[in-house]
Amino acid sequence: RDALAGDPVIVLAGGHNHAGGETEPLDLAALEVWAVAQQVSAFAV
């Protein structure tokens, strides 16, 4: 949180387990809507 220093962040469902299996699908539509509104120089994933 300190490293972000107020910069935007979105928390999305998704990810995998320790064996590499998908835990939940990734909501790419929500990501796209959020991303186009961000005035940033770069993204971290």
Full PDB file with SEQRES, HELIX, SHEET, SSBOND, CRYST1, ORIGX, SCALE, CONECT and MASTER records, all heavy atoms in Angstrom:
SEQRES   1 A   45  ARG ASP ALA LEU ALA GLY ASP PRO VAL ILE VAL LEU ALA          
SEQRES   2 A   45  GLY GLY HIS ASN HIS ALA GLY GLY GLU THR GLU PRO LEU          
SEQRES   3 A   45  ASP LEU ALA ALA LEU GLU VAL TRP ALA VAL ALA GLN GLN          
SEQRES   4 A   45  VAL SER ALA PHE ALA VAL                                      
HELIX    1 AA1 LEU A   28  ALA A   35  1                                   8    
CRYST1    1.000    1.000    1.000  90.00  90.00  90.00 P 1           1          
ORIGX1      1.000000  0.000000  0.000000        0.00000                         
ORIGX2      0.000000  1.000000  0.000000        0.00000                         
ORIGX3      0.000000  0.000000  1.000000        0.00000                         
SCALE1      1.000000  0.000000  0.000000        0.00000                         
SCALE2      0.000000  1.000000  0.000000        0.00000                         
SCALE3      0.000000  0.000000  1.000000        0.00000                         
ATOM      1  N   ARG A   1       0.831  -1.203   0.000  1.00  0.00           N  
ATOM      2  CA  ARG A   1       0.000   0.000   0.000  1.00  0.00           C  
ATOM      3  C   ARG A   1       0.866   1.255   0.000  1.00  0.00           C  
ATOM      4  O   ARG A   1       0.584   2.223  -0.709  1.00  0.00           O  
ATOM      5  CB  ARG A   1      -0.926  -0.002   1.223  1.00  0.00           C  
ATOM      6  CG  ARG A   1      -1.855   1.192   1.320  1.00  0.00           C  
ATOM      7  CD  ARG A   1      -3.062   1.065   0.435  1.00  0.00           C  
ATOM      8  NE  ARG A   1      -4.026   0.098   0.955  1.00  0.00           N  
ATOM      9  CZ  ARG A   1      -5.180  -0.186   0.358  1.00  0.00           C  
ATOM     10  NH1 ARG A   1      -5.508   0.413  -0.781  1.00  0.00           N  
ATOM     11  NH2 ARG A   1      -6.002  -1.084   0.867  1.00  0.00           N  
ATOM     12  N   ASP A   2       1.945   1.233   0.776  1.00  0.00           N  
ATOM     13  CA  ASP A   2       2.851   2.393   0.811  1.00  0.00           C  
ATOM     14  C   ASP A   2       3.523   2.600  -0.538  1.00  0.00           C  
ATOM     15  O   ASP A   2       3.719   3.737  -0.980  1.00  0.00           O  
ATOM     16  CB  ASP A   2       3.912   2.203   1.897  1.00  0.00           C  
ATOM     17  CG  ASP A   2       3.324   2.231   3.301  1.00  0.00           C  
ATOM     18  OD1 ASP A   2       2.240   2.822   3.471  1.00  0.00           O  
ATOM     19  OD2 ASP A   2       3.944   1.655   4.214  1.00  0.00           O  
ATOM     20  N   ALA A   3       3.888   1.507  -1.199  1.00  0.00           N  
ATOM     21  CA  ALA A   3       4.542   1.623  -2.501  1.00  0.00           C  
ATOM     22  C   ALA A   3       3.600   2.219  -3.540  1.00  0.00           C  
ATOM     23  O   ALA A   3       4.025   2.974  -4.424  1.00  0.00           O  
ATOM     24  CB  ALA A   3       5.044   0.260  -2.962  1.00  0.00           C  
ATOM     25  N   LEU A   4       2.316   1.896  -3.438  1.00  0.00           N  
ATOM     26  CA  LEU A   4       1.345   2.464  -4.372  1.00  0.00           C  
ATOM     27  C   LEU A   4       1.161   3.961  -4.146  1.00  0.00           C  
ATOM     28  O   LEU A   4       0.928   4.715  -5.093  1.00  0.00           O  
ATOM     29  CB  LEU A   4      -0.001   1.747  -4.237  1.00  0.00           C  
ATOM     30  CG  LEU A   4      -0.056   0.360  -4.875  1.00  0.00           C  
ATOM     31  CD1 LEU A   4      -1.284  -0.406  -4.396  1.00  0.00           C  
ATOM     32  CD2 LEU A   4      -0.065   0.467  -6.392  1.00  0.00           C  
ATOM     33  N   ALA A   5       1.271   4.398  -2.895  1.00  0.00           N  
ATOM     34  CA  ALA A   5       1.229   5.831  -2.566  1.00  0.00           C  
ATOM     35  C   ALA A   5       0.023   6.520  -3.190  1.00  0.00           C  
ATOM     36  O   ALA A   5       0.134   7.613  -3.747  1.00  0.00           O  
ATOM     37  CB  ALA A   5       2.522   6.507  -3.013  1.00  0.00           C  
ATOM     38  N   GLY A   6      -1.138   5.876  -3.113  1.00  0.00           N  
ATOM     39  CA  GLY A   6      -2.352   6.496  -3.636  1.00  0.00           C  
ATOM     40  C   GLY A   6      -2.630   6.190  -5.091  1.00  0.00           C  
ATOM     41  O   GLY A   6      -3.682   6.591  -5.615  1.00  0.00           O  
ATOM     42  N   ASP A   7      -1.736   5.502  -5.778  1.00  0.00           N  
ATOM     43  CA  ASP A   7      -1.982   5.140  -7.171  1.00  0.00           C  
ATOM     44  C   ASP A   7      -3.090   4.088  -7.243  1.00  0.00           C  
ATOM     45  O   ASP A   7      -3.312   3.338  -6.291  1.00  0.00           O  
ATOM     46  CB  ASP A   7      -0.701   4.602  -7.815  1.00  0.00           C  
ATOM     47  CG  ASP A   7       0.298   5.708  -8.123  1.00  0.00           C  
ATOM     48  OD1 ASP A   7      -0.050   6.890  -7.917  1.00  0.00           O  
ATOM     49  OD2 ASP A   7       1.421   5.401  -8.556  1.00  0.00           O  
ATOM     50  N   PRO A   8      -3.792   3.984  -8.391  1.00  0.00           N  
ATOM     51  CA  PRO A   8      -4.976   3.112  -8.464  1.00  0.00           C  
ATOM     52  C   PRO A   8      -4.642   1.627  -8.410  1.00  0.00           C  
ATOM     53  O   PRO A   8      -3.576   1.192  -8.836  1.00  0.00           O  
ATOM     54  CB  PRO A   8      -5.596   3.488  -9.812  1.00  0.00           C  
ATOM     55  CG  PRO A   8      -4.487   4.097 -10.607  1.00  0.00           C  
ATOM     56  CD  PRO A   8      -3.597   4.776  -9.615  1.00  0.00           C  
ATOM     57  N   VAL A   9      -5.597   0.860  -7.889  1.00  0.00           N  
ATOM     58  CA  VAL A   9      -5.463  -0.598  -7.811  1.00  0.00           C  
ATOM     59  C   VAL A   9      -6.848  -1.210  -7.982  1.00  0.00           C  
ATOM     60  O   VAL A   9      -7.844  -0.645  -7.530  1.00  0.00           O  
ATOM     61  CB  VAL A   9      -4.836  -1.029  -6.466  1.00  0.00           C  
ATOM     62  CG1 VAL A   9      -5.648  -0.521  -5.290  1.00  0.00           C  
ATOM     63  CG2 VAL A   9      -4.700  -2.546  -6.379  1.00  0.00           C  
ATOM     64  N   ILE A  10      -6.922  -2.341  -8.659  1.00  0.00           N  
ATOM     65  CA  ILE A  10      -8.160  -3.106  -8.748  1.00  0.00           C  
ATOM     66  C   ILE A  10      -7.876  -4.520  -8.249  1.00  0.00           C  
ATOM     67  O   ILE A  10      -6.872  -5.133  -8.612  1.00  0.00           O  
ATOM     68  CB  ILE A  10      -8.716  -3.136 -10.196  1.00  0.00           C  
ATOM     69  CG1 ILE A  10     -10.060  -3.864 -10.225  1.00  0.00           C  
ATOM     70  CG2 ILE A  10      -7.732  -3.742 -11.173  1.00  0.00           C  
ATOM     71  CD1 ILE A  10     -10.781  -3.758 -11.564  1.00  0.00           C  
ATOM     72  N   VAL A  11      -8.756  -5.011  -7.367  1.00  0.00           N  
ATOM     73  CA  VAL A  11      -8.644  -6.367  -6.835  1.00  0.00           C  
ATOM     74  C   VAL A  11      -9.692  -7.210  -7.544  1.00  0.00           C  
ATOM     75  O   VAL A  11     -10.891  -6.936  -7.456  1.00  0.00           O  
ATOM     76  CB  VAL A  11      -8.852  -6.395  -5.312  1.00  0.00           C  
ATOM     77  CG1 VAL A  11      -8.740  -7.817  -4.791  1.00  0.00           C  
ATOM     78  CG2 VAL A  11      -7.844  -5.491  -4.615  1.00  0.00           C  
ATOM     79  N   LEU A  12      -9.248  -8.230  -8.269  1.00  0.00           N  
ATOM     80  CA  LEU A  12     -10.136  -9.073  -9.073  1.00  0.00           C  
ATOM     81  C   LEU A  12     -10.120 -10.506  -8.571  1.00  0.00           C  
ATOM     82  O   LEU A  12      -9.098 -10.996  -8.077  1.00  0.00           O  
ATOM     83  CB  LEU A  12      -9.699  -9.063 -10.536  1.00  0.00           C  
ATOM     84  CG  LEU A  12      -9.805  -7.738 -11.304  1.00  0.00           C  
ATOM     85  CD1 LEU A  12      -9.163  -7.895 -12.678  1.00  0.00           C  
ATOM     86  CD2 LEU A  12     -11.259  -7.316 -11.439  1.00  0.00           C  
ATOM     87  N   ALA A  13     -11.255 -11.175  -8.711  1.00  0.00           N  
ATOM     88  CA  ALA A  13     -11.296 -12.611  -8.446  1.00  0.00           C  
ATOM     89  C   ALA A  13     -10.473 -13.330  -9.512  1.00  0.00           C  
ATOM     90  O   ALA A  13     -10.323 -12.853 -10.640  1.00  0.00           O  
ATOM     91  CB  ALA A  13     -12.732 -13.104  -8.465  1.00  0.00           C  
ATOM     92  N   GLY A  14      -9.930 -14.483  -9.136  1.00  0.00           N  
ATOM     93  CA  GLY A  14      -9.120 -15.249 -10.073  1.00  0.00           C  
ATOM     94  C   GLY A  14      -7.951 -15.880  -9.368  1.00  0.00           C  
ATOM     95  O   GLY A  14      -7.983 -16.117  -8.151  1.00  0.00           O  
ATOM     96  N   GLY A  15      -6.898 -16.165 -10.106  1.00  0.00           N  
ATOM     97  CA  GLY A  15      -5.717 -16.768  -9.521  1.00  0.00           C  
ATOM     98  C   GLY A  15      -5.748 -18.284  -9.585  1.00  0.00           C  
ATOM     99  O   GLY A  15      -6.700 -18.903 -10.078  1.00  0.00           O  
ATOM    100  N   HIS A  16      -4.698 -18.896  -9.069  1.00  0.00           N  
ATOM    101  CA  HIS A  16      -4.531 -20.342  -9.101  1.00  0.00           C  
ATOM    102  C   HIS A  16      -4.142 -20.850  -7.717  1.00  0.00           C  
ATOM    103  O   HIS A  16      -3.820 -20.060  -6.817  1.00  0.00           O  
ATOM    104  CB  HIS A  16      -3.461 -20.726 -10.135  1.00  0.00           C  
ATOM    105  CG  HIS A  16      -3.835 -20.370 -11.539  1.00  0.00           C  
ATOM    106  ND1 HIS A  16      -3.725 -19.086 -12.032  1.00  0.00           N  
ATOM    107  CD2 HIS A  16      -4.325 -21.135 -12.557  1.00  0.00           C  
ATOM    108  CE1 HIS A  16      -4.139 -19.059 -13.294  1.00  0.00           C  
ATOM    109  NE2 HIS A  16      -4.498 -20.285 -13.633  1.00  0.00           N  
ATOM    110  N   ASN A  17      -4.149 -22.164  -7.559  1.00  0.00           N  
ATOM    111  CA  ASN A  17      -3.694 -22.749  -6.302  1.00  0.00           C  
ATOM    112  C   ASN A  17      -2.229 -23.156  -6.421  1.00  0.00           C  
ATOM    113  O   ASN A  17      -1.609 -22.968  -7.463  1.00  0.00           O  
ATOM    114  CB  ASN A  17      -4.579 -23.934  -5.903  1.00  0.00           C  
ATOM    115  CG  ASN A  17      -4.607 -25.015  -6.978  1.00  0.00           C  
ATOM    116  OD1 ASN A  17      -3.623 -25.244  -7.689  1.00  0.00           O  
ATOM    117  ND2 ASN A  17      -5.747 -25.692  -7.116  1.00  0.00           N  
ATOM    118  N   HIS A  18      -1.692 -23.736  -5.346  1.00  0.00           N  
ATOM    119  CA  HIS A  18      -0.262 -24.034  -5.316  1.00  0.00           C  
ATOM    120  C   HIS A  18       0.142 -25.051  -6.372  1.00  0.00           C  
ATOM    121  O   HIS A  18       1.305 -25.120  -6.771  1.00  0.00           O  
ATOM    122  CB  HIS A  18       0.134 -24.540  -3.923  1.00  0.00           C  
ATOM    123  CG  HIS A  18      -0.389 -25.916  -3.616  1.00  0.00           C  
ATOM    124  ND1 HIS A  18      -1.698 -26.143  -3.246  1.00  0.00           N  
ATOM    125  CD2 HIS A  18       0.221 -27.132  -3.649  1.00  0.00           C  
ATOM    126  CE1 HIS A  18      -1.880 -27.438  -3.050  1.00  0.00           C  
ATOM    127  NE2 HIS A  18      -0.735 -28.052  -3.291  1.00  0.00           N  
ATOM    128  N   ALA A  19      -0.832 -25.842  -6.858  1.00  0.00           N  
ATOM    129  CA  ALA A  19      -0.536 -26.843  -7.876  1.00  0.00           C  
ATOM    130  C   ALA A  19      -0.697 -26.298  -9.290  1.00  0.00           C  
ATOM    131  O   ALA A  19      -0.434 -27.007 -10.260  1.00  0.00           O  
ATOM    132  CB  ALA A  19      -1.435 -28.063  -7.691  1.00  0.00           C  
ATOM    133  N   GLY A  20      -1.142 -25.051  -9.411  1.00  0.00           N  
ATOM    134  CA  GLY A  20      -1.308 -24.448 -10.727  1.00  0.00           C  
ATOM    135  C   GLY A  20      -2.706 -24.545 -11.284  1.00  0.00           C  
ATOM    136  O   GLY A  20      -2.941 -24.145 -12.429  1.00  0.00           O  
ATOM    137  N   GLY A  21      -3.651 -25.061 -10.500  1.00  0.00           N  
ATOM    138  CA  GLY A  21      -5.035 -25.155 -10.962  1.00  0.00           C  
ATOM    139  C   GLY A  21      -5.791 -23.854 -10.725  1.00  0.00           C  
ATOM    140  O   GLY A  21      -5.579 -23.174  -9.726  1.00  0.00           O  
ATOM    141  N   GLU A  22      -6.681 -23.504 -11.645  1.00  0.00           N  
ATOM    142  CA  GLU A  22      -7.448 -22.261 -11.534  1.00  0.00           C  
ATOM    143  C   GLU A  22      -8.426 -22.344 -10.380  1.00  0.00           C  
ATOM    144  O   GLU A  22      -9.166 -23.325 -10.240  1.00  0.00           O  
ATOM    145  CB  GLU A  22      -8.200 -21.995 -12.842  1.00  0.00           C  
ATOM    146  CG  GLU A  22      -8.947 -20.665 -12.858  1.00  0.00           C  
ATOM    147  CD  GLU A  22      -9.675 -20.401 -14.172  1.00  0.00           C  
ATOM    148  OE1 GLU A  22     -10.766 -20.983 -14.355  1.00  0.00           O  
ATOM    149  OE2 GLU A  22      -9.147 -19.639 -14.997  1.00  0.00           O  
ATOM    150  N   THR A  23      -8.439 -21.291  -9.538  1.00  0.00           N  
ATOM    151  CA  THR A  23      -9.380 -21.253  -8.415  1.00  0.00           C  
ATOM    152  C   THR A  23     -10.686 -20.569  -8.790  1.00  0.00           C  
ATOM    153  O   THR A  23     -11.762 -20.997  -8.380  1.00  0.00           O  
ATOM    154  CB  THR A  23      -8.757 -20.522  -7.211  1.00  0.00           C  
ATOM    155  OG1 THR A  23      -8.342 -19.210  -7.623  1.00  0.00           O  
ATOM    156  CG2 THR A  23      -7.557 -21.280  -6.680  1.00  0.00           C  
ATOM    157  N   GLU A  24     -10.601 -19.505  -9.569  1.00  0.00           N  
ATOM    158  CA  GLU A  24     -11.782 -18.789 -10.066  1.00  0.00           C  
ATOM    159  C   GLU A  24     -11.455 -18.190 -11.419  1.00  0.00           C  
ATOM    160  O   GLU A  24     -10.299 -17.837 -11.683  1.00  0.00           O  
ATOM    161  CB  GLU A  24     -12.180 -17.643  -9.118  1.00  0.00           C  
ATOM    162  CG  GLU A  24     -12.778 -18.052  -7.804  1.00  0.00           C  
ATOM    163  CD  GLU A  24     -13.254 -16.833  -7.004  1.00  0.00           C  
ATOM    164  OE1 GLU A  24     -14.341 -16.317  -7.306  1.00  0.00           O  
ATOM    165  OE2 GLU A  24     -12.497 -16.401  -6.121  1.00  0.00           O  
ATOM    166  N   PRO A  25     -12.471 -18.051 -12.286  1.00  0.00           N  
ATOM    167  CA  PRO A  25     -12.219 -17.396 -13.572  1.00  0.00           C  
ATOM    168  C   PRO A  25     -11.860 -15.922 -13.367  1.00  0.00           C  
ATOM    169  O   PRO A  25     -12.278 -15.295 -12.394  1.00  0.00           O  
ATOM    170  CB  PRO A  25     -13.551 -17.542 -14.320  1.00  0.00           C  
ATOM    171  CG  PRO A  25     -14.291 -18.620 -13.596  1.00  0.00           C  
ATOM    172  CD  PRO A  25     -13.849 -18.550 -12.166  1.00  0.00           C  
ATOM    173  N   LEU A  26     -11.094 -15.367 -14.297  1.00  0.00           N  
ATOM    174  CA  LEU A  26     -10.698 -13.963 -14.262  1.00  0.00           C  
ATOM    175  C   LEU A  26     -11.706 -13.130 -15.044  1.00  0.00           C  
ATOM    176  O   LEU A  26     -12.025 -13.451 -16.193  1.00  0.00           O  
ATOM    177  CB  LEU A  26      -9.302 -13.804 -14.872  1.00  0.00           C  
ATOM    178  CG  LEU A  26      -8.762 -12.388 -15.037  1.00  0.00           C  
ATOM    179  CD1 LEU A  26      -8.655 -11.683 -13.691  1.00  0.00           C  
ATOM    180  CD2 LEU A  26      -7.403 -12.411 -15.732  1.00  0.00           C  
ATOM    181  N   ASP A  27     -12.202 -12.062 -14.409  1.00  0.00           N  
ATOM    182  CA  ASP A  27     -13.203 -11.187 -15.034  1.00  0.00           C  
ATOM    183  C   ASP A  27     -12.492 -10.161 -15.926  1.00  0.00           C  
ATOM    184  O   ASP A  27     -12.187  -9.045 -15.499  1.00  0.00           O  
ATOM    185  CB  ASP A  27     -14.033 -10.491 -13.960  1.00  0.00           C  
ATOM    186  CG  ASP A  27     -15.245  -9.756 -14.538  1.00  0.00           C  
ATOM    187  OD1 ASP A  27     -15.291  -9.586 -15.775  1.00  0.00           O  
ATOM    188  OD2 ASP A  27     -16.119  -9.344 -13.754  1.00  0.00           O  
ATOM    189  N   LEU A  28     -12.244 -10.536 -17.171  1.00  0.00           N  
ATOM    190  CA  LEU A  28     -11.524  -9.659 -18.084  1.00  0.00           C  
ATOM    191  C   LEU A  28     -12.353  -8.464 -18.512  1.00  0.00           C  
ATOM    192  O   LEU A  28     -11.811  -7.384 -18.806  1.00  0.00           O  
ATOM    193  CB  LEU A  28     -11.066 -10.448 -19.308  1.00  0.00           C  
ATOM    194  CG  LEU A  28     -10.017 -11.530 -19.046  1.00  0.00           C  
ATOM    195  CD1 LEU A  28      -9.722 -12.322 -20.313  1.00  0.00           C  
ATOM    196  CD2 LEU A  28      -8.733 -10.917 -18.508  1.00  0.00           C  
ATOM    197  N   ALA A  29     -13.692  -8.621 -18.538  1.00  0.00           N  
ATOM    198  CA  ALA A  29     -14.550  -7.497 -18.925  1.00  0.00           C  
ATOM    199  C   ALA A  29     -14.451  -6.369 -17.906  1.00  0.00           C  
ATOM    200  O   ALA A  29     -14.356  -5.181 -18.275  1.00  0.00           O  
ATOM    201  CB  ALA A  29     -15.995  -7.970 -19.062  1.00  0.00           C  
ATOM    202  N   ALA A  30     -14.471  -6.717 -16.622  1.00  0.00           N  
ATOM    203  CA  ALA A  30     -14.347  -5.695 -15.577  1.00  0.00           C  
ATOM    204  C   ALA A  30     -12.982  -5.026 -15.640  1.00  0.00           C  
ATOM    205  O   ALA A  30     -12.859  -3.809 -15.436  1.00  0.00           O  
ATOM    206  CB  ALA A  30     -14.565  -6.330 -14.208  1.00  0.00           C  
ATOM    207  N   LEU A  31     -11.955  -5.811 -15.928  1.00  0.00           N  
ATOM    208  CA  LEU A  31     -10.615  -5.251 -16.049  1.00  0.00           C  
ATOM    209  C   LEU A  31     -10.552  -4.240 -17.190  1.00  0.00           C  
ATOM    210  O   LEU A  31      -9.967  -3.157 -17.043  1.00  0.00           O  
ATOM    211  CB  LEU A  31      -9.603  -6.371 -16.287  1.00  0.00           C  
ATOM    212  CG  LEU A  31      -8.164  -5.933 -16.588  1.00  0.00           C  
ATOM    213  CD1 LEU A  31      -7.580  -5.145 -15.425  1.00  0.00           C  
ATOM    214  CD2 LEU A  31      -7.289  -7.150 -16.904  1.00  0.00           C  
ATOM    215  N   GLU A  32     -11.162  -4.555 -18.317  1.00  0.00           N  
ATOM    216  CA  GLU A  32     -11.110  -3.657 -19.473  1.00  0.00           C  
ATOM    217  C   GLU A  32     -11.804  -2.333 -19.178  1.00  0.00           C  
ATOM    218  O   GLU A  32     -11.275  -1.267 -19.509  1.00  0.00           O  
ATOM    219  CB  GLU A  32     -11.751  -4.338 -20.684  1.00  0.00           C  
ATOM    220  CG  GLU A  32     -11.701  -3.493 -21.944  1.00  0.00           C  
ATOM    221  CD  GLU A  32     -12.105  -4.280 -23.180  1.00  0.00           C  
ATOM    222  OE1 GLU A  32     -12.052  -5.529 -23.141  1.00  0.00           O  
ATOM    223  OE2 GLU A  32     -12.472  -3.646 -24.180  1.00  0.00           O  
ATOM    224  N   VAL A  33     -12.988  -2.390 -18.545  1.00  0.00           N  
ATOM    225  CA  VAL A  33     -13.721  -1.161 -18.206  1.00  0.00           C  
ATOM    226  C   VAL A  33     -12.895  -0.281 -17.272  1.00  0.00           C  
ATOM    227  O   VAL A  33     -12.814   0.945 -17.440  1.00  0.00           O  
ATOM    228  CB  VAL A  33     -15.080  -1.509 -17.572  1.00  0.00           C  
ATOM    229  CG1 VAL A  33     -15.754  -0.244 -17.018  1.00  0.00           C  
ATOM    230  CG2 VAL A  33     -15.985  -2.186 -18.577  1.00  0.00           C  
ATOM    231  N   TRP A  34     -12.264  -0.899 -16.277  1.00  0.00           N  
ATOM    232  CA  TRP A  34     -11.463  -0.145 -15.302  1.00  0.00           C  
ATOM    233  C   TRP A  34     -10.211   0.436 -15.953  1.00  0.00           C  
ATOM    234  O   TRP A  34      -9.842   1.583 -15.714  1.00  0.00           O  
ATOM    235  CB  TRP A  34     -11.077  -1.078 -14.158  1.00  0.00           C  
ATOM    236  CG  TRP A  34     -10.125  -0.494 -13.156  1.00  0.00           C  
ATOM    237  CD1 TRP A  34     -10.430   0.317 -12.102  1.00  0.00           C  
ATOM    238  CD2 TRP A  34      -8.702  -0.709 -13.112  1.00  0.00           C  
ATOM    239  NE1 TRP A  34      -9.281   0.629 -11.407  1.00  0.00           N  
ATOM    240  CE2 TRP A  34      -8.210   0.020 -11.997  1.00  0.00           C  
ATOM    241  CE3 TRP A  34      -7.811  -1.425 -13.892  1.00  0.00           C  
ATOM    242  CZ2 TRP A  34      -6.866   0.031 -11.657  1.00  0.00           C  
ATOM    243  CZ3 TRP A  34      -6.476  -1.416 -13.563  1.00  0.00           C  
ATOM    244  CH2 TRP A  34      -6.010  -0.687 -12.457  1.00  0.00           C  
ATOM    245  N   ALA A  35      -9.547  -0.345 -16.796  1.00  0.00           N  
ATOM    246  CA  ALA A  35      -8.250   0.051 -17.334  1.00  0.00           C  
ATOM    247  C   ALA A  35      -8.335   1.296 -18.202  1.00  0.00           C  
ATOM    248  O   ALA A  35      -7.452   2.162 -18.142  1.00  0.00           O  
ATOM    249  CB  ALA A  35      -7.638  -1.102 -18.130  1.00  0.00           C  
ATOM    250  N   VAL A  36      -9.393   1.423 -19.007  1.00  0.00           N  
ATOM    251  CA  VAL A  36      -9.468   2.555 -19.935  1.00  0.00           C  
ATOM    252  C   VAL A  36      -9.626   3.881 -19.204  1.00  0.00           C  
ATOM    253  O   VAL A  36      -9.356   4.949 -19.770  1.00  0.00           O  
ATOM    254  CB  VAL A  36     -10.623   2.366 -20.942  1.00  0.00           C  
ATOM    255  CG1 VAL A  36     -10.376   1.172 -21.831  1.00  0.00           C  
ATOM    256  CG2 VAL A  36     -11.959   2.233 -20.214  1.00  0.00           C  
ATOM    257  N   ALA A  37     -10.017   3.836 -17.931  1.00  0.00           N  
ATOM    258  CA  ALA A  37     -10.224   5.073 -17.175  1.00  0.00           C  
ATOM    259  C   ALA A  37      -8.981   5.518 -16.420  1.00  0.00           C  
ATOM    260  O   ALA A  37      -8.987   6.581 -15.783  1.00  0.00           O  
ATOM    261  CB  ALA A  37     -11.381   4.891 -16.190  1.00  0.00           C  
ATOM    262  N   GLN A  38      -7.900   4.732 -16.475  1.00  0.00           N  
ATOM    263  CA  GLN A  38      -6.719   5.037 -15.668  1.00  0.00           C  
ATOM    264  C   GLN A  38      -5.724   5.908 -16.442  1.00  0.00           C  
ATOM    265  O   GLN A  38      -5.373   5.587 -17.576  1.00  0.00           O  
ATOM    266  CB  GLN A  38      -6.028   3.745 -15.209  1.00  0.00           C  
ATOM    267  CG  GLN A  38      -6.943   2.779 -14.491  1.00  0.00           C  
ATOM    268  CD  GLN A  38      -7.727   3.421 -13.367  1.00  0.00           C  
ATOM    269  OE1 GLN A  38      -7.165   4.165 -12.561  1.00  0.00           O  
ATOM    270  NE2 GLN A  38      -9.019   3.142 -13.311  1.00  0.00           N  
ATOM    271  N   GLN A  39      -5.299   6.989 -15.815  1.00  0.00           N  
ATOM    272  CA  GLN A  39      -4.268   7.854 -16.383  1.00  0.00           C  
ATOM    273  C   GLN A  39      -2.939   7.521 -15.697  1.00  0.00           C  
ATOM    274  O   GLN A  39      -2.564   8.126 -14.698  1.00  0.00           O  
ATOM    275  CB  GLN A  39      -4.627   9.327 -16.181  1.00  0.00           C  
ATOM    276  CG  GLN A  39      -5.855   9.770 -16.957  1.00  0.00           C  
ATOM    277  CD  GLN A  39      -6.100  11.264 -16.816  1.00  0.00           C  
ATOM    278  OE1 GLN A  39      -5.562  11.924 -15.925  1.00  0.00           O  
ATOM    279  NE2 GLN A  39      -6.912  11.800 -17.700  1.00  0.00           N  
ATOM    280  N   VAL A  40      -2.255   6.529 -16.243  1.00  0.00           N  
ATOM    281  CA  VAL A  40      -1.019   6.043 -15.640  1.00  0.00           C  
ATOM    282  C   VAL A  40       0.031   5.851 -16.724  1.00  0.00           C  
ATOM    283  O   VAL A  40      -0.270   5.790 -17.916  1.00  0.00           O  
ATOM    284  CB  VAL A  40      -1.236   4.710 -14.881  1.00  0.00           C  
ATOM    285  CG1 VAL A  40      -2.182   4.911 -13.701  1.00  0.00           C  
ATOM    286  CG2 VAL A  40      -1.792   3.633 -15.817  1.00  0.00           C  
ATOM    287  N   SER A  41       1.289   5.730 -16.282  1.00  0.00           N  
ATOM    288  CA  SER A  41       2.385   5.517 -17.230  1.00  0.00           C  
ATOM    289  C   SER A  41       2.617   4.042 -17.508  1.00  0.00           C  
ATOM    290  O   SER A  41       3.188   3.687 -18.545  1.00  0.00           O  
ATOM    291  CB  SER A  41       3.674   6.143 -16.682  1.00  0.00           C  
ATOM    292  OG  SER A  41       4.050   5.521 -15.461  1.00  0.00           O  
ATOM    293  N   ALA A  42       2.184   3.153 -16.591  1.00  0.00           N  
ATOM    294  CA  ALA A  42       2.418   1.716 -16.757  1.00  0.00           C  
ATOM    295  C   ALA A  42       1.513   0.948 -15.801  1.00  0.00           C  
ATOM    296  O   ALA A  42       0.967   1.511 -14.842  1.00  0.00           O  
ATOM    297  CB  ALA A  42       3.882   1.367 -16.499  1.00  0.00           C  
ATOM    298  N   PHE A  43       1.374  -0.356 -16.071  1.00  0.00           N  
ATOM    299  CA  PHE A  43       0.576  -1.240 -15.219  1.00  0.00           C  
ATOM    300  C   PHE A  43       1.463  -2.337 -14.634  1.00  0.00           C  
ATOM    301  O   PHE A  43       2.442  -2.770 -15.256  1.00  0.00           O  
ATOM    302  CB  PHE A  43      -0.550  -1.901 -16.023  1.00  0.00           C  
ATOM    303  CG  PHE A  43      -1.648  -0.973 -16.441  1.00  0.00           C  
ATOM    304  CD1 PHE A  43      -1.556  -0.255 -17.626  1.00  0.00           C  
ATOM    305  CD2 PHE A  43      -2.772  -0.806 -15.653  1.00  0.00           C  
ATOM    306  CE1 PHE A  43      -2.568   0.605 -18.023  1.00  0.00           C  
ATOM    307  CE2 PHE A  43      -3.792   0.055 -16.030  1.00  0.00           C  
ATOM    308  CZ  PHE A  43      -3.692   0.766 -17.215  1.00  0.00           C  
ATOM    309  N   ALA A  44       1.090  -2.789 -13.430  1.00  0.00           N  
ATOM    310  CA  ALA A  44       1.702  -3.963 -12.809  1.00  0.00           C  
ATOM    311  C   ALA A  44       0.608  -5.000 -12.599  1.00  0.00           C  
ATOM    312  O   ALA A  44      -0.513  -4.655 -12.204  1.00  0.00           O  
ATOM    313  CB  ALA A  44       2.354  -3.601 -11.477  1.00  0.00           C  
ATOM    314  N   VAL A  45       0.928  -6.265 -12.860  1.00  0.00           N  
ATOM    315  CA  VAL A  45      -0.045  -7.346 -12.720  1.00  0.00           C  
ATOM    316  C   VAL A  45       0.550  -8.424 -11.824  1.00  0.00           C  
ATOM    317  O   VAL A  45       1.678  -8.882 -12.062  1.00  0.00           O  
ATOM    318  CB  VAL A  45      -0.416  -7.954 -14.087  1.00  0.00           C  
ATOM    319  CG1 VAL A  45      -1.405  -9.098 -13.907  1.00  0.00           C  
ATOM    320  CG2 VAL A  45      -0.982  -6.901 -15.015  1.00  0.00           C  
TER     321      VAL A  45                                                      
MASTER        0    0    0    1    0    0    0    6  320    1    0    4          
END                                                                             
